[in-house]
Structures are given as C-alpha cells and as structure tokens.
Amino acid sequence: MSVVLLRFAVAAHASTLVINNIETNNFLPKEIEDATIEVFSVTSTSAYSVDYAPDVQKFQITILQPPYEENRKAAEQAFVEKTGYNKK
C-alpha cells in the first residue's frame, strides 16, 4: 500500500493523474505530509462528500442529507468539475 501512496505523493505536483487508465485533473493536495493517508477528500459540503482511496483506486460519493436526489446531482457535478472526468 505505501508504494501506491508514494506514487501519488510524487504525482501531487502534476496537473493530471491517471487512475485506472483514465486521465483526471489532479485533485490531490499540493503538499502531502502523511504518506499513510488512505483516503483523500476530493470535495465536500454539508450535503455530500466525494473521496478517493488510492489503495483500491476508487472514488466514493456519499450523500449526507436530504434532499437526496438534488444533493446526488450536485455531488456528481462537483466530481466531474474537480476531476475533469466526463463519460463519453
């Protein structure tokens, strides 16, 4: 696991990341002080949280409060804006 985290630490200053062969905007913090971080926050509000786990290379979107459908759409839009990912 530390090898994966180190790879992301090295890439933290790059403008893009490649995750599962998909290029995204670099959403990682500019300074990564703790190499044991298991989950990075991509974006969050009181209504939702979007996180990334580099060890499994997966994103998780969590809706925290109603209205769930509206907040889901907002979280998905924030995910697209932060990562630059767009299904084609």
Foldseek 3Di string as FASTA:
>chain_A
DLVQLVVLQVCQCPQWDQFPNDIWGRQADNHDDDSPDQKAWSDDDCQWTWIAGRVVRDIDIGGNDPPRVVSVVVSVVSVCVSTVDDDD
